[in-house]
């Protein structure tokens, strides 16, 4: 049994999220929350909410024990990119890419 939680269209680059996801992959859920709370990255706030959601899904939908949960899978995929224009010198325009992310987190129960 596994419980999932998804966060779609998060306005943060997938590259920045992946750095934080690598810290918690395979860890116990309580330890992962502790790591995220002490990580000074913007992605950690989003991931705390997502992990709490996955844990709540496991507890309510699948009757799993909250103390035995661990992060079995977590990955990020790029979402649609918002393209913006920045005016530059001599009438030129530079493209600014505002990237979005789709984040998925899966928790399982340890045997």
PDB file of N, CA and C in Angstrom:
ATOM      1  N   UNK A   1       0.840  -1.193   0.000  1.00  0.00           N
ATOM      2  CA  UNK A   1       0.000   0.000   0.000  1.00  0.00           C
ATOM      3  C   UNK A   1       0.880   1.250   0.000  1.00  0.00           C
ATOM      4  N   UNK A   2       0.436   2.216  -0.735  1.00  0.00           N
ATOM      5  CA  UNK A   2       1.152   3.488  -0.777  1.00  0.00           C
ATOM      6  C   UNK A   2       0.145   4.616  -0.872  1.00  0.00           C
ATOM      7  N   UNK A   3       0.520   5.754  -0.345  1.00  0.00           N
ATOM      8  CA  UNK A   3      -0.314   6.947  -0.400  1.00  0.00           C
ATOM      9  C   UNK A   3       0.460   8.034  -1.116  1.00  0.00           C
ATOM     10  N   UNK A   4      -0.238   8.761  -1.990  1.00  0.00           N
ATOM     11  CA  UNK A   4       0.413   9.790  -2.802  1.00  0.00           C
ATOM     12  C   UNK A   4      -0.156  11.165  -2.489  1.00  0.00           C
ATOM     13  N   UNK A   5       0.630  12.165  -2.813  1.00  0.00           N
ATOM     14  CA  UNK A   5       0.172  13.552  -2.797  1.00  0.00           C
ATOM     15  C   UNK A   5       0.865  14.263  -3.958  1.00  0.00           C
ATOM     16  N   UNK A   6       0.117  15.114  -4.637  1.00  0.00           N
ATOM     17  CA  UNK A   6       0.636  15.847  -5.795  1.00  0.00           C
ATOM     18  C   UNK A   6       0.528  17.343  -5.538  1.00  0.00           C
ATOM     19  N   UNK A   7       1.510  18.072  -6.029  1.00  0.00           N
ATOM     20  CA  UNK A   7       1.446  19.533  -6.054  1.00  0.00           C
ATOM     21  C   UNK A   7       1.738  19.938  -7.486  1.00  0.00           C
ATOM     22  N   UNK A   8       0.750  20.541  -8.132  1.00  0.00           N
ATOM     23  CA  UNK A   8       0.915  20.892  -9.539  1.00  0.00           C
ATOM     24  C   UNK A   8       1.016  22.404  -9.705  1.00  0.00           C
ATOM     25  N   UNK A   9       1.736  22.818 -10.709  1.00  0.00           N
ATOM     26  CA  UNK A   9       1.897  24.220 -11.097  1.00  0.00           C
ATOM     27  C   UNK A   9       2.509  25.071  -9.983  1.00  0.00           C
ATOM     28  N   UNK A  10       3.442  24.507  -9.222  1.00  0.00           N
ATOM     29  CA  UNK A  10       4.137  25.285  -8.192  1.00  0.00           C
ATOM     30  C   UNK A  10       5.090  26.254  -8.887  1.00  0.00           C
ATOM     31  N   UNK A  11       5.059  27.513  -8.479  1.00  0.00           N
ATOM     32  CA  UNK A  11       5.869  28.536  -9.151  1.00  0.00           C
ATOM     33  C   UNK A  11       7.286  28.553  -8.604  1.00  0.00           C
ATOM     34  N   UNK A  12       8.001  27.452  -8.837  1.00  0.00           N
ATOM     35  CA  UNK A  12       9.394  27.335  -8.444  1.00  0.00           C
ATOM     36  C   UNK A  12      10.056  26.411  -9.457  1.00  0.00           C
ATOM     37  N   UNK A  13      11.295  26.652  -9.748  1.00  0.00           N
ATOM     38  CA  UNK A  13      12.010  25.869 -10.743  1.00  0.00           C
ATOM     39  C   UNK A  13      12.199  24.423 -10.272  1.00  0.00           C
ATOM     40  N   UNK A  14      12.021  23.433 -11.154  1.00  0.00           N
ATOM     41  CA  UNK A  14      12.222  22.032 -10.761  1.00  0.00           C
ATOM     42  C   UNK A  14      13.638  21.754 -10.265  1.00  0.00           C
ATOM     43  N   UNK A  15      14.592  22.469 -10.798  1.00  0.00           N
ATOM     44  CA  UNK A  15      15.982  22.284 -10.396  1.00  0.00           C
ATOM     45  C   UNK A  15      16.187  22.609  -8.918  1.00  0.00           C
ATOM     46  N   UNK A  16      15.490  23.650  -8.443  1.00  0.00           N
ATOM     47  CA  UNK A  16      15.617  24.053  -7.043  1.00  0.00           C
ATOM     48  C   UNK A  16      14.896  23.068  -6.117  1.00  0.00           C
ATOM     49  N   UNK A  17      13.793  22.505  -6.593  1.00  0.00           N
ATOM     50  CA  UNK A  17      13.036  21.544  -5.782  1.00  0.00           C
ATOM     51  C   UNK A  17      13.805  20.241  -5.657  1.00  0.00           C
ATOM     52  N   UNK A  18      14.460  19.808  -6.733  1.00  0.00           N
ATOM     53  CA  UNK A  18      15.160  18.525  -6.754  1.00  0.00           C
ATOM     54  C   UNK A  18      16.254  18.458  -5.699  1.00  0.00           C
ATOM     55  N   UNK A  19      16.916  19.585  -5.446  1.00  0.00           N
ATOM     56  CA  UNK A  19      17.980  19.640  -4.436  1.00  0.00           C
ATOM     57  C   UNK A  19      17.431  19.254  -3.066  1.00  0.00           C
ATOM     58  N   UNK A  20      16.250  19.756  -2.734  1.00  0.00           N
ATOM     59  CA  UNK A  20      15.661  19.485  -1.424  1.00  0.00           C
ATOM     60  C   UNK A  20      15.061  18.071  -1.380  1.00  0.00           C
ATOM     61  N   UNK A  21      14.484  17.621  -2.482  1.00  0.00           N
ATOM     62  CA  UNK A  21      13.901  16.273  -2.520  1.00  0.00           C
ATOM     63  C   UNK A  21      14.962  15.200  -2.293  1.00  0.00           C
ATOM     64  N   UNK A  22      16.166  15.431  -2.787  1.00  0.00           N
ATOM     65  CA  UNK A  22      17.240  14.452  -2.617  1.00  0.00           C
ATOM     66  C   UNK A  22      17.619  14.274  -1.145  1.00  0.00           C
ATOM     67  N   UNK A  23      17.333  15.278  -0.321  1.00  0.00           N
ATOM     68  CA  UNK A  23      17.664  15.189   1.100  1.00  0.00           C
ATOM     69  C   UNK A  23      16.726  14.242   1.853  1.00  0.00           C
ATOM     70  N   UNK A  24      15.460  14.121   1.407  1.00  0.00           N
ATOM     71  CA  UNK A  24      14.471  13.379   2.193  1.00  0.00           C
ATOM     72  C   UNK A  24      14.080  12.035   1.594  1.00  0.00           C
ATOM     73  N   UNK A  25      14.531  11.729   0.398  1.00  0.00           N
ATOM     74  CA  UNK A  25      14.139  10.472  -0.245  1.00  0.00           C
ATOM     75  C   UNK A  25      14.603   9.279   0.576  1.00  0.00           C
ATOM     76  N   UNK A  26      13.682   8.370   0.910  1.00  0.00           N
ATOM     77  CA  UNK A  26      13.999   7.170   1.661  1.00  0.00           C
ATOM     78  C   UNK A  26      14.014   7.341   3.173  1.00  0.00           C
ATOM     79  N   UNK A  27      13.774   8.539   3.673  1.00  0.00           N
ATOM     80  CA  UNK A  27      13.812   8.793   5.122  1.00  0.00           C
ATOM     81  C   UNK A  27      12.449   8.530   5.758  1.00  0.00           C
ATOM     82  N   UNK A  28      12.463   8.329   7.084  1.00  0.00           N
ATOM     83  CA  UNK A  28      11.203   8.253   7.822  1.00  0.00           C
ATOM     84  C   UNK A  28      10.488   9.596   7.704  1.00  0.00           C
ATOM     85  N   UNK A  29       9.160   9.555   7.760  1.00  0.00           N
ATOM     86  CA  UNK A  29       8.375  10.772   7.554  1.00  0.00           C
ATOM     87  C   UNK A  29       8.670  11.826   8.621  1.00  0.00           C
ATOM     88  N   UNK A  30       8.797  11.404   9.888  1.00  0.00           N
ATOM     89  CA  UNK A  30       9.076  12.372  10.952  1.00  0.00           C
ATOM     90  C   UNK A  30      10.455  13.002  10.782  1.00  0.00           C
ATOM     91  N   UNK A  31      11.422  12.186  10.399  1.00  0.00           N
ATOM     92  CA  UNK A  31      12.772  12.707  10.174  1.00  0.00           C
ATOM     93  C   UNK A  31      12.787  13.651   8.967  1.00  0.00           C
ATOM     94  N   UNK A  32      12.028  13.309   7.931  1.00  0.00           N
ATOM     95  CA  UNK A  32      11.957  14.149   6.728  1.00  0.00           C
ATOM     96  C   UNK A  32      11.381  15.519   7.065  1.00  0.00           C
ATOM     97  N   UNK A  33      10.359  15.556   7.922  1.00  0.00           N
ATOM     98  CA  UNK A  33       9.782  16.843   8.323  1.00  0.00           C
ATOM     99  C   UNK A  33      10.819  17.659   9.100  1.00  0.00           C
ATOM    100  N   UNK A  34      11.580  16.999   9.965  1.00  0.00           N
ATOM    101  CA  UNK A  34      12.633  17.694  10.707  1.00  0.00           C
ATOM    102  C   UNK A  34      13.697  18.261   9.788  1.00  0.00           C
ATOM    103  N   UNK A  35      14.076  17.493   8.778  1.00  0.00           N
ATOM    104  CA  UNK A  35      15.077  17.965   7.812  1.00  0.00           C
ATOM    105  C   UNK A  35      14.548  19.170   7.049  1.00  0.00           C
ATOM    106  N   UNK A  36      13.290  19.085   6.613  1.00  0.00           N
ATOM    107  CA  UNK A  36      12.703  20.178   5.831  1.00  0.00           C
ATOM    108  C   UNK A  36      12.554  21.457   6.661  1.00  0.00           C
ATOM    109  N   UNK A  37      12.220  21.305   7.935  1.00  0.00           N
ATOM    110  CA  UNK A  37      12.065  22.492   8.781  1.00  0.00           C
ATOM    111  C   UNK A  37      13.384  23.216   8.998  1.00  0.00           C
ATOM    112  N   UNK A  38      14.503  22.493   8.920  1.00  0.00           N
ATOM    113  CA  UNK A  38      15.814  23.095   9.151  1.00  0.00           C
ATOM    114  C   UNK A  38      16.594  23.348   7.868  1.00  0.00           C
ATOM    115  N   UNK A  39      15.945  23.234   6.725  1.00  0.00           N
ATOM    116  CA  UNK A  39      16.598  23.493   5.448  1.00  0.00           C
ATOM    117  C   UNK A  39      16.220  24.890   4.973  1.00  0.00           C
ATOM    118  N   UNK A  40      17.175  25.778   4.772  1.00  0.00           N
ATOM    119  CA  UNK A  40      16.859  27.159   4.408  1.00  0.00           C
ATOM    120  C   UNK A  40      16.629  27.345   2.903  1.00  0.00           C
ATOM    121  N   UNK A  41      15.712  26.592   2.356  1.00  0.00           N
ATOM    122  CA  UNK A  41      15.367  26.713   0.937  1.00  0.00           C
ATOM    123  C   UNK A  41      13.881  27.004   0.824  1.00  0.00           C
ATOM    124  N   UNK A  42      13.495  27.739  -0.214  1.00  0.00           N
ATOM    125  CA  UNK A  42      12.090  28.078  -0.383  1.00  0.00           C
ATOM    126  C   UNK A  42      11.242  26.842  -0.672  1.00  0.00           C
ATOM    127  N   UNK A  43      11.826  25.849  -1.325  1.00  0.00           N
ATOM    128  CA  UNK A  43      11.088  24.635  -1.681  1.00  0.00           C
ATOM    129  C   UNK A  43      10.694  23.835  -0.450  1.00  0.00           C
ATOM    130  N   UNK A  44      11.409  23.994   0.656  1.00  0.00           N
ATOM    131  CA  UNK A  44      11.123  23.175   1.833  1.00  0.00           C
ATOM    132  C   UNK A  44       9.746  23.485   2.420  1.00  0.00           C
ATOM    133  N   UNK A  45       9.275  24.730   2.321  1.00  0.00           N
ATOM    134  CA  UNK A  45       7.933  25.074   2.808  1.00  0.00           C
ATOM    135  C   UNK A  45       6.865  24.307   2.028  1.00  0.00           C
ATOM    136  N   UNK A  46       7.010  24.276   0.717  1.00  0.00           N
ATOM    137  CA  UNK A  46       6.047  23.552  -0.121  1.00  0.00           C
ATOM    138  C   UNK A  46       6.084  22.063   0.170  1.00  0.00           C
ATOM    139  N   UNK A  47       7.282  21.531   0.380  1.00  0.00           N
ATOM    140  CA  UNK A  47       7.426  20.095   0.587  1.00  0.00           C
ATOM    141  C   UNK A  47       6.917  19.655   1.958  1.00  0.00           C
ATOM    142  N   UNK A  48       6.993  20.524   2.960  1.00  0.00           N
ATOM    143  CA  UNK A  48       6.415  20.186   4.271  1.00  0.00           C
ATOM    144  C   UNK A  48       4.910  19.999   4.130  1.00  0.00           C
ATOM    145  N   UNK A  49       4.258  20.932   3.442  1.00  0.00           N
ATOM    146  CA  UNK A  49       2.817  20.823   3.231  1.00  0.00           C
ATOM    147  C   UNK A  49       2.461  19.567   2.448  1.00  0.00           C
ATOM    148  N   UNK A  50       3.262  19.277   1.427  1.00  0.00           N
ATOM    149  CA  UNK A  50       3.002  18.116   0.586  1.00  0.00           C
ATOM    150  C   UNK A  50       3.194  16.820   1.363  1.00  0.00           C
ATOM    151  N   UNK A  51       4.230  16.748   2.183  1.00  0.00           N
ATOM    152  CA  UNK A  51       4.480  15.550   2.985  1.00  0.00           C
ATOM    153  C   UNK A  51       3.385  15.353   4.031  1.00  0.00           C
ATOM    154  N   UNK A  52       2.949  16.443   4.657  1.00  0.00           N
ATOM    155  CA  UNK A  52       1.838  16.333   5.608  1.00  0.00           C
ATOM    156  C   UNK A  52       0.572  15.846   4.916  1.00  0.00           C
ATOM    157  N   UNK A  53       0.342  16.287   3.707  1.00  0.00           N
ATOM    158  CA  UNK A  53      -0.824  15.844   2.943  1.00  0.00           C
ATOM    159  C   UNK A  53      -0.737  14.355   2.612  1.00  0.00           C
ATOM    160  N   UNK A  54       0.444  13.899   2.204  1.00  0.00           N
ATOM    161  CA  UNK A  54       0.632  12.482   1.884  1.00  0.00           C
ATOM    162  C   UNK A  54       0.449  11.622   3.132  1.00  0.00           C
ATOM    163  N   UNK A  55       0.936  12.105   4.280  1.00  0.00           N
ATOM    164  CA  UNK A  55       0.774  11.358   5.528  1.00  0.00           C
ATOM    165  C   UNK A  55      -0.695  11.294   5.939  1.00  0.00           C
ATOM    166  N   UNK A  56      -1.428  12.389   5.758  1.00  0.00           N
ATOM    167  CA  UNK A  56      -2.854  12.407   6.076  1.00  0.00           C
ATOM    168  C   UNK A  56      -3.630  11.474   5.149  1.00  0.00           C
ATOM    169  N   UNK A  57      -3.249  11.444   3.870  1.00  0.00           N
ATOM    170  CA  UNK A  57      -3.887  10.514   2.926  1.00  0.00           C
ATOM    171  C   UNK A  57      -3.658   9.071   3.360  1.00  0.00           C
ATOM    172  N   UNK A  58      -2.440   8.759   3.791  1.00  0.00           N
ATOM    173  CA  UNK A  58      -2.112   7.399   4.222  1.00  0.00           C
ATOM    174  C   UNK A  58      -2.934   7.007   5.443  1.00  0.00           C
ATOM    175  N   UNK A  59      -3.060   7.942   6.368  1.00  0.00           N
ATOM    176  CA  UNK A  59      -3.756   7.644   7.620  1.00  0.00           C
ATOM    177  C   UNK A  59      -5.272   7.519   7.400  1.00  0.00           C
ATOM    178  N   UNK A  60      -5.850   8.446   6.638  1.00  0.00           N
ATOM    179  CA  UNK A  60      -7.305   8.476   6.483  1.00  0.00           C
ATOM    180  C   UNK A  60      -7.830   7.511   5.423  1.00  0.00           C
ATOM    181  N   UNK A  61      -7.128   7.408   4.305  1.00  0.00           N
ATOM    182  CA  UNK A  61      -7.643   6.598   3.202  1.00  0.00           C
ATOM    183  C   UNK A  61      -7.225   5.134   3.269  1.00  0.00           C
ATOM    184  N   UNK A  62      -6.059   4.848   3.855  1.00  0.00           N
ATOM    185  CA  UNK A  62      -5.529   3.483   3.840  1.00  0.00           C
ATOM    186  C   UNK A  62      -5.295   2.903   5.235  1.00  0.00           C
ATOM    187  N   UNK A  63      -5.666   3.639   6.291  1.00  0.00           N
ATOM    188  CA  UNK A  63      -5.514   3.195   7.685  1.00  0.00           C
ATOM    189  C   UNK A  63      -4.089   2.741   8.015  1.00  0.00           C
ATOM    190  N   UNK A  64      -3.107   3.474   7.512  1.00  0.00           N
ATOM    191  CA  UNK A  64      -1.711   3.165   7.828  1.00  0.00           C
ATOM    192  C   UNK A  64      -1.325   3.810   9.157  1.00  0.00           C
ATOM    193  N   UNK A  65      -0.326   3.225   9.810  1.00  0.00           N
ATOM    194  CA  UNK A  65       0.184   3.766  11.069  1.00  0.00           C
ATOM    195  C   UNK A  65       1.109   4.941  10.760  1.00  0.00           C
ATOM    196  N   UNK A  66       0.808   6.107  11.311  1.00  0.00           N
ATOM    197  CA  UNK A  66       1.554   7.329  10.996  1.00  0.00           C
ATOM    198  C   UNK A  66       3.018   7.247  11.423  1.00  0.00           C
ATOM    199  N   UNK A  67       3.301   6.490  12.482  1.00  0.00           N
ATOM    200  CA  UNK A  67       4.670   6.425  12.990  1.00  0.00           C
ATOM    201  C   UNK A  67       5.573   5.518  12.144  1.00  0.00           C
ATOM    202  N   UNK A  68       4.989   4.666  11.284  1.00  0.00           N
ATOM    203  CA  UNK A  68       5.782   3.748  10.467  1.00  0.00           C
ATOM    204  C   UNK A  68       5.976   4.232   9.032  1.00  0.00           C
ATOM    205  N   UNK A  69       5.511   5.425   8.719  1.00  0.00           N
ATOM    206  CA  UNK A  69       5.574   5.910   7.334  1.00  0.00           C
ATOM    207  C   UNK A  69       6.982   6.387   6.973  1.00  0.00           C
ATOM    208  N   UNK A  70       7.346   6.186   5.702  1.00  0.00           N
ATOM    209  CA  UNK A  70       8.599   6.727   5.172  1.00  0.00           C
ATOM    210  C   UNK A  70       8.373   7.203   3.746  1.00  0.00           C
ATOM    211  N   UNK A  71       9.237   8.080   3.278  1.00  0.00           N
ATOM    212  CA  UNK A  71       9.130   8.645   1.931  1.00  0.00           C
ATOM    213  C   UNK A  71       9.749   7.637   0.961  1.00  0.00           C
ATOM    214  N   UNK A  72       8.910   6.900   0.248  1.00  0.00           N
ATOM    215  CA  UNK A  72       9.437   5.876  -0.656  1.00  0.00           C
ATOM    216  C   UNK A  72       9.827   6.468  -2.002  1.00  0.00           C
ATOM    217  N   UNK A  73       9.020   7.408  -2.512  1.00  0.00           N
ATOM    218  CA  UNK A  73       9.332   8.058  -3.788  1.00  0.00           C
ATOM    219  C   UNK A  73       9.045   9.536  -3.659  1.00  0.00           C
ATOM    220  N   UNK A  74       9.844  10.342  -4.309  1.00  0.00           N
ATOM    221  CA  UNK A  74       9.535  11.758  -4.450  1.00  0.00           C
ATOM    222  C   UNK A  74      10.285  12.256  -5.679  1.00  0.00           C
ATOM    223  N   UNK A  75       9.556  12.914  -6.542  1.00  0.00           N
ATOM    224  CA  UNK A  75      10.184  13.414  -7.763  1.00  0.00           C
ATOM    225  C   UNK A  75       9.485  14.678  -8.221  1.00  0.00           C
ATOM    226  N   UNK A  76      10.152  15.382  -9.114  1.00  0.00           N
ATOM    227  CA  UNK A  76       9.618  16.631  -9.647  1.00  0.00           C
ATOM    228  C   UNK A  76       9.719  16.589 -11.165  1.00  0.00           C
ATOM    229  N   UNK A  77       8.677  17.072 -11.817  1.00  0.00           N
ATOM    230  CA  UNK A  77       8.646  17.170 -13.282  1.00  0.00           C
ATOM    231  C   UNK A  77       8.410  18.638 -13.639  1.00  0.00           C
ATOM    232  N   UNK A  78       8.977  19.089 -14.736  1.00  0.00           N
ATOM    233  CA  UNK A  78       8.727  20.481 -15.118  1.00  0.00           C
ATOM    234  C   UNK A  78       7.297  20.671 -15.606  1.00  0.00           C
ATOM    235  N   UNK A  79       6.693  21.765 -15.170  1.00  0.00           N
ATOM    236  CA  UNK A  79       5.365  22.138 -15.644  1.00  0.00           C
ATOM    237  C   UNK A  79       5.505  23.133 -16.789  1.00  0.00           C
ATOM    238  N   UNK A  80       4.418  23.782 -17.155  1.00  0.00           N
ATOM    239  CA  UNK A  80       4.500  24.777 -18.223  1.00  0.00           C
ATOM    240  C   UNK A  80       5.339  25.978 -17.800  1.00  0.00           C
ATOM    241  N   UNK A  81       6.042  26.556 -18.751  1.00  0.00           N
ATOM    242  CA  UNK A  81       6.900  27.704 -18.479  1.00  0.00           C
ATOM    243  C   UNK A  81       6.171  28.978 -18.886  1.00  0.00           C
ATOM    244  N   UNK A  82       6.130  29.943 -17.969  1.00  0.00           N
ATOM    245  CA  UNK A  82       5.542  31.243 -18.277  1.00  0.00           C
ATOM    246  C   UNK A  82       6.635  32.095 -18.934  1.00  0.00           C
ATOM    247  N   UNK A  83       6.343  32.603 -20.103  1.00  0.00           N
ATOM    248  CA  UNK A  83       7.350  33.378 -20.831  1.00  0.00           C
ATOM    249  C   UNK A  83       7.036  34.861 -20.698  1.00  0.00           C
ATOM    250  N   UNK A  84       8.027  35.607 -20.229  1.00  0.00           N
ATOM    251  CA  UNK A  84       7.870  37.039 -20.020  1.00  0.00           C
ATOM    252  C   UNK A  84       8.970  37.781 -20.778  1.00  0.00           C
ATOM    253  N   UNK A  85       8.740  39.051 -21.034  1.00  0.00           N
ATOM    254  CA  UNK A  85       9.683  39.873 -21.795  1.00  0.00           C
ATOM    255  C   UNK A  85      10.271  40.940 -20.882  1.00  0.00           C
ATOM    256  N   UNK A  86      11.599  41.109 -20.958  1.00  0.00           N
ATOM    257  CA  UNK A  86      12.268  42.168 -20.210  1.00  0.00           C
ATOM    258  C   UNK A  86      12.881  43.136 -21.218  1.00  0.00           C
ATOM    259  N   UNK A  87      12.513  44.416 -21.151  1.00  0.00           N
ATOM    260  CA  UNK A  87      13.094  45.394 -22.072  1.00  0.00           C
ATOM    261  C   UNK A  87      14.587  45.578 -21.811  1.00  0.00           C
ATOM    262  N   UNK A  88      15.343  45.688 -22.879  1.00  0.00           N
ATOM    263  CA  UNK A  88      16.783  45.885 -22.769  1.00  0.00           C
ATOM    264  C   UNK A  88      17.188  47.118 -23.586  1.00  0.00           C
ATOM    265  N   UNK A  89      18.469  47.364 -23.636  1.00  0.00           N
ATOM    266  CA  UNK A  89      18.976  48.571 -24.304  1.00  0.00           C
ATOM    267  C   UNK A  89      18.712  48.530 -25.805  1.00  0.00           C
ATOM    268  N   UNK A  90      18.553  49.701 -26.387  1.00  0.00           N
ATOM    269  CA  UNK A  90      18.410  49.905 -27.829  1.00  0.00           C
ATOM    270  C   UNK A  90      17.207  49.168 -28.407  1.00  0.00           C
ATOM    271  N   UNK A  91      16.124  49.101 -27.628  1.00  0.00           N
ATOM    272  CA  UNK A  91      14.875  48.536 -28.146  1.00  0.00           C
ATOM    273  C   UNK A  91      14.810  47.022 -28.196  1.00  0.00           C
ATOM    274  N   UNK A  92      15.809  46.348 -27.679  1.00  0.00           N
ATOM    275  CA  UNK A  92      15.783  44.887 -27.688  1.00  0.00           C
ATOM    276  C   UNK A  92      14.908  44.363 -26.548  1.00  0.00           C
ATOM    277  N   UNK A  93      14.569  43.093 -26.637  1.00  0.00           N
ATOM    278  CA  UNK A  93      13.781  42.456 -25.577  1.00  0.00           C
ATOM    279  C   UNK A  93      14.406  41.105 -25.265  1.00  0.00           C
ATOM    280  N   UNK A  94      14.576  40.825 -23.989  1.00  0.00           N
ATOM    281  CA  UNK A  94      15.097  39.526 -23.562  1.00  0.00           C
ATOM    282  C   UNK A  94      13.963  38.711 -22.978  1.00  0.00           C
ATOM    283  N   UNK A  95      14.028  37.427 -23.205  1.00  0.00           N
ATOM    284  CA  UNK A  95      12.994  36.513 -22.707  1.00  0.00           C
ATOM    285  C   UNK A  95      13.334  36.072 -21.292  1.00  0.00           C
ATOM    286  N   UNK A  96      12.353  36.121 -20.394  1.00  0.00           N
ATOM    287  CA  UNK A  96      12.498  35.599 -19.040  1.00  0.00           C
ATOM    288  C   UNK A  96      11.602  34.374 -18.934  1.00  0.00           C
ATOM    289  N   UNK A  97      12.183  33.260 -18.482  1.00  0.00           N
ATOM    290  CA  UNK A  97      11.430  32.023 -18.323  1.00  0.00           C
ATOM    291  C   UNK A  97      11.061  31.858 -16.857  1.00  0.00           C
ATOM    292  N   UNK A  98       9.782  31.875 -16.545  1.00  0.00           N
ATOM    293  CA  UNK A  98       9.319  31.628 -15.177  1.00  0.00           C
ATOM    294  C   UNK A  98       8.829  30.187 -15.139  1.00  0.00           C
ATOM    295  N   UNK A  99       9.646  29.335 -14.553  1.00  0.00           N
ATOM    296  CA  UNK A  99       9.389  27.899 -14.608  1.00  0.00           C
ATOM    297  C   UNK A  99       8.432  27.452 -13.507  1.00  0.00           C
ATOM    298  N   UNK A 100       7.678  26.390 -13.805  1.00  0.00           N
ATOM    299  CA  UNK A 100       6.776  25.802 -12.825  1.00  0.00           C
ATOM    300  C   UNK A 100       7.117  24.327 -12.653  1.00  0.00           C
ATOM    301  N   UNK A 101       6.612  23.727 -11.562  1.00  0.00           N
ATOM    302  CA  UNK A 101       6.948  22.347 -11.228  1.00  0.00           C
ATOM    303  C   UNK A 101       5.695  21.558 -10.881  1.00  0.00           C
ATOM    304  N   UNK A 102       5.737  20.267 -11.182  1.00  0.00           N
ATOM    305  CA  UNK A 102       4.749  19.308 -10.696  1.00  0.00           C
ATOM    306  C   UNK A 102       5.512  18.372  -9.756  1.00  0.00           C
ATOM    307  N   UNK A 103       5.160  18.387  -8.474  1.00  0.00           N
ATOM    308  CA  UNK A 103       5.880  17.597  -7.472  1.00  0.00           C
ATOM    309  C   UNK A 103       4.985  16.448  -7.007  1.00  0.00           C
ATOM    310  N   UNK A 104       5.554  15.250  -6.920  1.00  0.00           N
ATOM    311  CA  UNK A 104       4.823  14.072  -6.450  1.00  0.00           C
ATOM    312  C   UNK A 104       5.584  13.445  -5.297  1.00  0.00           C
ATOM    313  N   UNK A 105       4.840  13.078  -4.242  1.00  0.00           N
ATOM    314  CA  UNK A 105       5.449  12.428  -3.088  1.00  0.00           C
ATOM    315  C   UNK A 105       4.628  11.192  -2.735  1.00  0.00           C
ATOM    316  N   UNK A 106       5.339  10.068  -2.520  1.00  0.00           N
ATOM    317  CA  UNK A 106       4.690   8.794  -2.186  1.00  0.00           C
ATOM    318  C   UNK A 106       5.245   8.322  -0.843  1.00  0.00           C
ATOM    319  N   UNK A 107       4.348   7.970   0.065  1.00  0.00           N
ATOM    320  CA  UNK A 107       4.763   7.414   1.353  1.00  0.00           C
ATOM    321  C   UNK A 107       4.254   5.983   1.471  1.00  0.00           C
ATOM    322  N   UNK A 108       5.059   5.154   2.108  1.00  0.00           N
ATOM    323  CA  UNK A 108       4.691   3.755   2.364  1.00  0.00           C
ATOM    324  C   UNK A 108       4.911   3.448   3.833  1.00  0.00           C
ATOM    325  N   UNK A 109       4.384   2.305   4.264  1.00  0.00           N
ATOM    326  CA  UNK A 109       4.518   1.879   5.641  1.00  0.00           C
ATOM    327  C   UNK A 109       5.654   0.868   5.748  1.00  0.00           C
ATOM    328  N   UNK A 110       6.540   1.068   6.730  1.00  0.00           N
ATOM    329  CA  UNK A 110       7.637   0.114   6.947  1.00  0.00           C
ATOM    330  C   UNK A 110       7.094  -1.165   7.561  1.00  0.00           C
ATOM    331  N   UNK A 111       7.717  -2.274   7.169  1.00  0.00           N
ATOM    332  CA  UNK A 111       7.287  -3.590   7.712  1.00  0.00           C
ATOM    333  C   UNK A 111       7.902  -3.820   9.072  1.00  0.00           C
TER     334      UNK A 111
END
